[in-house]
C-alpha atoms as a PDB file:
ATOM      1  CA  LYS A   1    -144.973-148.252 120.699  1.00  0.00           C
ATOM      2  CA  MET A   2    -143.443-146.707 117.607  1.00  0.00           C
ATOM      3  CA  ARG A   3    -140.803-149.335 117.388  1.00  0.00           C
ATOM      4  CA  ASN A   4    -143.269-152.171 117.209  1.00  0.00           C
ATOM      5  CA  GLN A   5    -145.366-150.612 114.430  1.00  0.00           C
ATOM      6  CA  GLN A   6    -144.606-151.455 110.824  1.00  0.00           C
ATOM      7  CA  LEU A   7    -143.556-147.957 109.951  1.00  0.00           C
ATOM      8  CA  LEU A   8    -140.742-146.249 108.205  1.00  0.00           C
ATOM      9  CA  LEU A   9    -137.995-145.812 110.733  1.00  0.00           C
ATOM     10  CA  LEU A  10    -135.063-143.810 109.740  1.00  0.00           C
ATOM     11  CA  VAL A  11    -132.216-143.605 112.262  1.00  0.00           C
ATOM     12  CA  LEU A  12    -129.633-141.000 111.751  1.00  0.00           C
ATOM     13  CA  VAL A  13    -126.762-141.020 114.242  1.00  0.00           C
ATOM     14  CA  THR A  14    -124.245-138.281 113.961  1.00  0.00           C
ATOM     15  CA  ILE A  15    -121.418-138.937 116.373  1.00  0.00           C
ATOM     16  CA  THR A  16    -120.306-135.301 116.570  1.00  0.00           C
ATOM     17  CA  VAL A  17    -123.552-133.833 117.340  1.00  0.00           C
ATOM     18  CA  THR A  18    -124.103-133.002 121.129  1.00  0.00           C
ATOM     19  CA  THR A  19    -127.106-130.617 121.125  1.00  0.00           C
ATOM     20  CA  CYS A  20    -130.600-131.742 120.432  1.00  0.00           C
ATOM     21  CA  ILE A  21    -132.100-130.024 117.440  1.00  0.00           C
ATOM     22  CA  GLN A  22    -135.766-130.673 116.726  1.00  0.00           C
ATOM     23  CA  PRO A  23    -136.474-131.241 113.058  1.00  0.00           C
ATOM     24  CA  ARG A  24    -138.682-128.734 111.191  1.00  0.00           C
ATOM     25  CA  GLN A  25    -141.740-130.151 109.659  1.00  0.00           C
ATOM     26  CA  SER A  26    -143.865-128.977 106.788  1.00  0.00           C
ATOM     27  CA  GLN A  27    -147.527-128.682 107.223  1.00  0.00           C
ATOM     28  CA  ASN A  28    -147.929-131.096 104.370  1.00  0.00           C
ATOM     29  CA  ASP A  29    -145.670-133.784 106.065  1.00  0.00           C
ATOM     30  CA  ASP A  30    -147.718-136.310 107.981  1.00  0.00           C
ATOM     31  CA  LYS A  31    -144.711-138.298 109.284  1.00  0.00           C
ATOM     32  CA  GLN A  32    -143.917-138.396 112.972  1.00  0.00           C
ATOM     33  CA  TYR A  33    -140.485-137.242 114.123  1.00  0.00           C
ATOM     34  CA  LYS A  34    -138.661-137.801 117.390  1.00  0.00           C
ATOM     35  CA  VAL A  35    -135.137-136.976 118.507  1.00  0.00           C
ATOM     36  CA  VAL A  36    -133.726-139.268 121.080  1.00  0.00           C
ATOM     37  CA  THR A  37    -130.299-138.938 122.861  1.00  0.00           C
ATOM     38  CA  LEU A  38    -128.781-142.127 123.977  1.00  0.00           C
ATOM     39  CA  GLN A  39    -126.756-142.556 127.206  1.00  0.00           C
ATOM     40  CA  ASN A  40    -123.450-142.291 125.255  1.00  0.00           C
ATOM     41  CA  ASP A  41    -124.776-138.939 123.783  1.00  0.00           C
ATOM     42  CA  LEU A  42    -125.368-140.222 120.383  1.00  0.00           C
ATOM     43  CA  GLN A  43    -128.463-138.586 118.856  1.00  0.00           C
ATOM     44  CA  ILE A  44    -130.985-140.482 116.904  1.00  0.00           C
ATOM     45  CA  LEU A  45    -133.708-139.002 114.611  1.00  0.00           C
ATOM     46  CA  LEU A  46    -136.770-141.356 114.422  1.00  0.00           C
ATOM     47  CA  ILE A  47    -139.131-140.875 111.507  1.00  0.00           C
ATOM     48  CA  SER A  48    -142.324-142.735 111.335  1.00  0.00           C
ATOM     49  CA  ASP A  49    -144.421-143.028 108.002  1.00  0.00           C
ATOM     50  CA  PRO A  50    -147.601-145.075 108.287  1.00  0.00           C
ATOM     51  CA  ASP A  51    -147.721-145.324 104.470  1.00  0.00           C
ATOM     52  CA  THR A  52    -144.651-147.500 103.985  1.00  0.00           C
ATOM     53  CA  GLN A  53    -143.810-151.156 104.688  1.00  0.00           C
ATOM     54  CA  PHE A  54    -140.090-150.492 104.799  1.00  0.00           C
ATOM     55  CA  ALA A  55    -137.619-149.331 107.474  1.00  0.00           C
ATOM     56  CA  ALA A  56    -134.240-147.840 107.037  1.00  0.00           C
ATOM     57  CA  ALA A  57    -131.290-146.745 109.124  1.00  0.00           C
ATOM     58  CA  SER A  58    -128.091-144.707 108.576  1.00  0.00           C
ATOM     59  CA  VAL A  59    -125.135-143.981 110.686  1.00  0.00           C
ATOM     60  CA  ASP A  60    -122.863-141.017 109.816  1.00  0.00           C
ATOM     61  CA  VAL A  61    -119.365-141.124 111.321  1.00  0.00           C
ATOM     62  CA  HIS A  62    -117.430-137.866 111.346  1.00  0.00           C
ATOM     63  CA  VAL A  63    -114.357-139.473 109.703  1.00  0.00           C
ATOM     64  CA  GLY A  64    -113.711-139.279 106.010  1.00  0.00           C
ATOM     65  CA  HIS A  65    -110.686-139.139 103.723  1.00  0.00           C
ATOM     66  CA  PHE A  66    -109.482-135.859 105.184  1.00  0.00           C
ATOM     67  CA  SER A  67    -108.605-137.891 108.255  1.00  0.00           C
ATOM     68  CA  ASP A  68    -106.422-140.374 106.331  1.00  0.00           C
ATOM     69  CA  PRO A  69    -102.798-140.365 107.495  1.00  0.00           C
ATOM     70  CA  ASP A  70    -100.581-138.902 104.833  1.00  0.00           C
ATOM     71  CA  ASN A  71     -98.741-142.213 104.417  1.00  0.00           C
ATOM     72  CA  ILE A  72    -101.973-144.266 104.048  1.00  0.00           C
ATOM     73  CA  PRO A  73    -104.234-142.605 101.475  1.00  0.00           C
ATOM     74  CA  GLY A  74    -107.541-144.340 101.246  1.00  0.00           C
ATOM     75  CA  LEU A  75    -107.638-145.647 104.743  1.00  0.00           C
ATOM     76  CA  ALA A  76    -111.066-144.223 105.661  1.00  0.00           C
ATOM     77  CA  HIS A  77    -112.614-145.810 102.423  1.00  0.00           C
ATOM     78  CA  PHE A  78    -110.866-149.111 103.103  1.00  0.00           C
ATOM     79  CA  LEU A  79    -112.358-149.234 106.679  1.00  0.00           C
ATOM     80  CA  GLU A  80    -115.686-148.381 105.296  1.00  0.00           C
ATOM     81  CA  HIS A  81    -115.474-151.652 103.253  1.00  0.00           C
ATOM     82  CA  MET A  82    -114.005-153.588 106.180  1.00  0.00           C
ATOM     83  CA  LEU A  83    -116.935-152.955 108.590  1.00  0.00           C
ATOM     84  CA  PHE A  84    -119.224-154.963 106.315  1.00  0.00           C
ATOM     85  CA  MET A  85    -116.996-157.959 106.693  1.00  0.00           C
ATOM     86  CA  GLY A  86    -118.423-159.628 109.841  1.00  0.00           C
ATOM     87  CA  SER A  87    -118.461-159.050 113.529  1.00  0.00           C
ATOM     88  CA  ASN A  88    -117.846-161.110 116.706  1.00  0.00           C
ATOM     89  CA  LYS A  89    -121.590-161.658 117.002  1.00  0.00           C
ATOM     90  CA  PHE A  90    -122.143-162.307 113.293  1.00  0.00           C
ATOM     91  CA  PRO A  91    -118.840-163.600 112.052  1.00  0.00           C
ATOM     92  CA  ASP A  92    -120.022-164.688 108.480  1.00  0.00           C
ATOM     93  CA  GLU A  93    -118.818-161.934 106.119  1.00  0.00           C
ATOM     94  CA  ASN A  94    -122.149-162.108 104.296  1.00  0.00           C
ATOM     95  CA  SER A  95    -124.422-162.294 107.324  1.00  0.00           C
ATOM     96  CA  PHE A  96    -125.656-158.702 107.063  1.00  0.00           C
ATOM     97  CA  GLN A  97    -126.208-158.727 103.259  1.00  0.00           C
ATOM     98  CA  GLU A  98    -127.939-162.131 103.226  1.00  0.00           C
ATOM     99  CA  TYR A  99    -130.324-160.939 105.993  1.00  0.00           C
ATOM    100  CA  LEU A 100    -131.256-157.860 104.067  1.00  0.00           C
ATOM    101  CA  SER A 101    -131.574-159.670 100.728  1.00  0.00           C
ATOM    102  CA  SER A 102    -133.850-162.345 102.339  1.00  0.00           C
ATOM    103  CA  HIS A 103    -136.150-159.488 103.670  1.00  0.00           C
ATOM    104  CA  ALA A 104    -136.390-157.120 100.655  1.00  0.00           C
ATOM    105  CA  GLY A 105    -133.453-154.919 101.808  1.00  0.00           C
ATOM    106  CA  SER A 106    -130.231-153.487 100.559  1.00  0.00           C
ATOM    107  CA  SER A 107    -127.223-151.553 101.967  1.00  0.00           C
ATOM    108  CA  ASN A 108    -124.450-149.300 100.969  1.00  0.00           C
ATOM    109  CA  ALA A 109    -121.943-146.876 102.273  1.00  0.00           C
ATOM    110  CA  TYR A 110    -119.749-143.975 101.064  1.00  0.00           C
ATOM    111  CA  THR A 111    -116.759-142.123 102.289  1.00  0.00           C
ATOM    112  CA  GLY A 112    -116.648-138.322 101.804  1.00  0.00           C
ATOM    113  CA  ASN A 113    -114.234-135.690 102.762  1.00  0.00           C
ATOM    114  CA  GLU A 114    -115.210-135.442 106.422  1.00  0.00           C
ATOM    115  CA  HIS A 115    -117.820-138.235 106.855  1.00  0.00           C
ATOM    116  CA  THR A 116    -118.446-141.790 106.251  1.00  0.00           C
ATOM    117  CA  ASN A 117    -122.030-142.849 105.949  1.00  0.00           C
ATOM    118  CA  TYR A 118    -123.446-146.445 106.237  1.00  0.00           C
ATOM    119  CA  PHE A 119    -127.132-147.095 105.464  1.00  0.00           C
ATOM    120  CA  PHE A 120    -129.583-149.892 104.720  1.00  0.00           C
ATOM    121  CA  SER A 121    -133.336-150.587 104.126  1.00  0.00           C
ATOM    122  CA  VAL A 122    -135.285-153.633 105.091  1.00  0.00           C
ATOM    123  CA  SER A 123    -138.971-154.673 105.372  1.00  0.00           C
ATOM    124  CA  ALA A 124    -140.230-152.995 108.512  1.00  0.00           C
ATOM    125  CA  ASP A 125    -141.043-156.306 110.298  1.00  0.00           C
ATOM    126  CA  HIS A 126    -137.288-157.348 110.099  1.00  0.00           C
ATOM    127  CA  LEU A 127    -135.833-154.003 111.316  1.00  0.00           C
ATOM    128  CA  GLU A 128    -134.710-155.371 114.740  1.00  0.00           C
ATOM    129  CA  GLY A 129    -132.672-158.156 113.132  1.00  0.00           C
ATOM    130  CA  ALA A 130    -131.130-155.695 110.669  1.00  0.00           C
ATOM    131  CA  LEU A 131    -130.285-153.221 113.377  1.00  0.00           C
ATOM    132  CA  ASP A 132    -128.657-155.932 115.566  1.00  0.00           C
ATOM    133  CA  ARG A 133    -126.264-156.865 112.708  1.00  0.00           C
ATOM    134  CA  PHE A 134    -125.718-153.305 111.530  1.00  0.00           C
ATOM    135  CA  SER A 135    -124.837-152.058 115.054  1.00  0.00           C
ATOM    136  CA  ARG A 136    -122.081-154.732 115.399  1.00  0.00           C
ATOM    137  CA  PHE A 137    -120.267-152.934 112.566  1.00  0.00           C
ATOM    138  CA  PHE A 138    -119.377-150.260 115.147  1.00  0.00           C
ATOM    139  CA  ILE A 139    -119.201-152.503 118.316  1.00  0.00           C
ATOM    140  CA  ASP A 140    -117.074-155.461 117.404  1.00  0.00           C
ATOM    141  CA  PRO A 141    -115.998-155.648 113.705  1.00  0.00           C
ATOM    142  CA  LEU A 142    -113.718-158.550 112.841  1.00  0.00           C
ATOM    143  CA  LEU A 143    -111.261-156.809 110.550  1.00  0.00           C
ATOM    144  CA  LYS A 144    -109.842-160.117 109.386  1.00  0.00           C
ATOM    145  CA  ILE A 145    -106.604-160.150 107.445  1.00  0.00           C
ATOM    146  CA  ASP A 146    -107.984-162.290 104.602  1.00  0.00           C
ATOM    147  CA  ALA A 147    -110.869-160.019 104.186  1.00  0.00           C
ATOM    148  CA  ALA A 148    -108.475-156.979 104.308  1.00  0.00           C
ATOM    149  CA  GLU A 149    -106.536-158.366 101.236  1.00  0.00           C
ATOM    150  CA  ARG A 150    -109.767-158.589  99.281  1.00  0.00           C
ATOM    151  CA  GLU A 151    -111.066-155.190 100.251  1.00  0.00           C
ATOM    152  CA  MET A 152    -107.841-153.545  99.417  1.00  0.00           C
ATOM    153  CA  HIS A 153    -108.324-154.828  95.939  1.00  0.00           C
ATOM    154  CA  ALA A 154    -111.902-153.731  95.926  1.00  0.00           C
ATOM    155  CA  VAL A 155    -111.026-150.247  96.886  1.00  0.00           C
ATOM    156  CA  ASP A 156    -108.300-150.296  94.267  1.00  0.00           C
ATOM    157  CA  SER A 157    -110.793-151.520  91.702  1.00  0.00           C
ATOM    158  CA  GLU A 158    -113.116-148.682  92.436  1.00  0.00           C
ATOM    159  CA  HIS A 159    -110.155-146.282  92.014  1.00  0.00           C
ATOM    160  CA  THR A 160    -109.233-147.882  88.716  1.00  0.00           C
ATOM    161  CA  LYS A 161    -112.825-147.608  87.469  1.00  0.00           C
ATOM    162  CA  ASN A 162    -112.972-143.858  88.399  1.00  0.00           C
ATOM    163  CA  ILE A 163    -109.818-143.038  86.432  1.00  0.00           C
ATOM    164  CA  GLN A 164    -111.802-142.839  83.227  1.00  0.00           C
ATOM    165  CA  SER A 165    -114.496-140.619  84.753  1.00  0.00           C
ATOM    166  CA  ASP A 166    -114.209-136.995  83.701  1.00  0.00           C
ATOM    167  CA  PRO A 167    -115.784-135.520  86.899  1.00  0.00           C
ATOM    168  CA  TRP A 168    -113.404-137.563  88.934  1.00  0.00           C
ATOM    169  CA  ARG A 169    -110.419-136.413  86.882  1.00  0.00           C
ATOM    170  CA  ILE A 170    -111.487-132.775  87.339  1.00  0.00           C
ATOM    171  CA  LEU A 171    -111.720-133.310  91.066  1.00  0.00           C
ATOM    172  CA  GLN A 172    -108.204-134.806  91.233  1.00  0.00           C
ATOM    173  CA  VAL A 173    -106.821-131.920  89.212  1.00  0.00           C
ATOM    174  CA  THR A 174    -108.536-129.512  91.646  1.00  0.00           C
ATOM    175  CA  ARG A 175    -107.126-131.415  94.531  1.00  0.00           C
ATOM    176  CA  SER A 176    -103.612-131.371  93.162  1.00  0.00           C
ATOM    177  CA  ASN A 177    -103.710-127.633  92.793  1.00  0.00           C
ATOM    178  CA  ALA A 178    -105.056-127.040  96.335  1.00  0.00           C
ATOM    179  CA  ASN A 179    -102.914-125.920  99.172  1.00  0.00           C
ATOM    180  CA  PRO A 180    -100.746-128.939 100.085  1.00  0.00           C
ATOM    181  CA  ASN A 181    -101.139-128.120 103.768  1.00  0.00           C
ATOM    182  CA  HIS A 182    -104.917-128.562 103.487  1.00  0.00           C
ATOM    183  CA  PRO A 183    -106.623-131.994 103.715  1.00  0.00           C
ATOM    184  CA  PHE A 184    -108.481-131.202 100.432  1.00  0.00           C
ATOM    185  CA  SER A 185    -105.200-131.797  98.521  1.00  0.00           C
ATOM    186  CA  LYS A 186    -105.149-135.423  99.770  1.00  0.00           C
ATOM    187  CA  PHE A 187    -106.029-138.330  97.571  1.00  0.00           C
ATOM    188  CA  GLY A 188    -109.677-139.125  98.106  1.00  0.00           C
END
């Protein structure tokens, strides 16, 4: 089976997609592609590459800073951080990162205007354990109060770092001049 082979596995789940689209493949691309729709209508794109020893997964959630309530700017970004802070099944805040680090992996996430994307890579023979931990972000995150305090500071620290960035400043000036009734005008 594809899952048991040590191949690159890239899982893209887009929560808002409801129709199955088959990927186009270049004639020079020797990877194998398969689209699977789960019982809950989530779609997964599996990509198998026999020339790699690593596996990766990504989940894209159709919620970004445009969805932030007006009175809580930065909420989507804050929740992006909080999902990494443990789950009921894996309550240690560092469980996921420690698992990845011990198996040649890494992870990250980003919050955009309309999407938040979570992703990781790991040695292919440890994909199942990584997926088990990763999936718990979306099933039973802990969202502990003490972690919330730290992550609010982490998000604020990222914001403070960005203040000196010219591209970020230009974006904020553009946002401040946007139609105030459009979500693009929100802090993000």
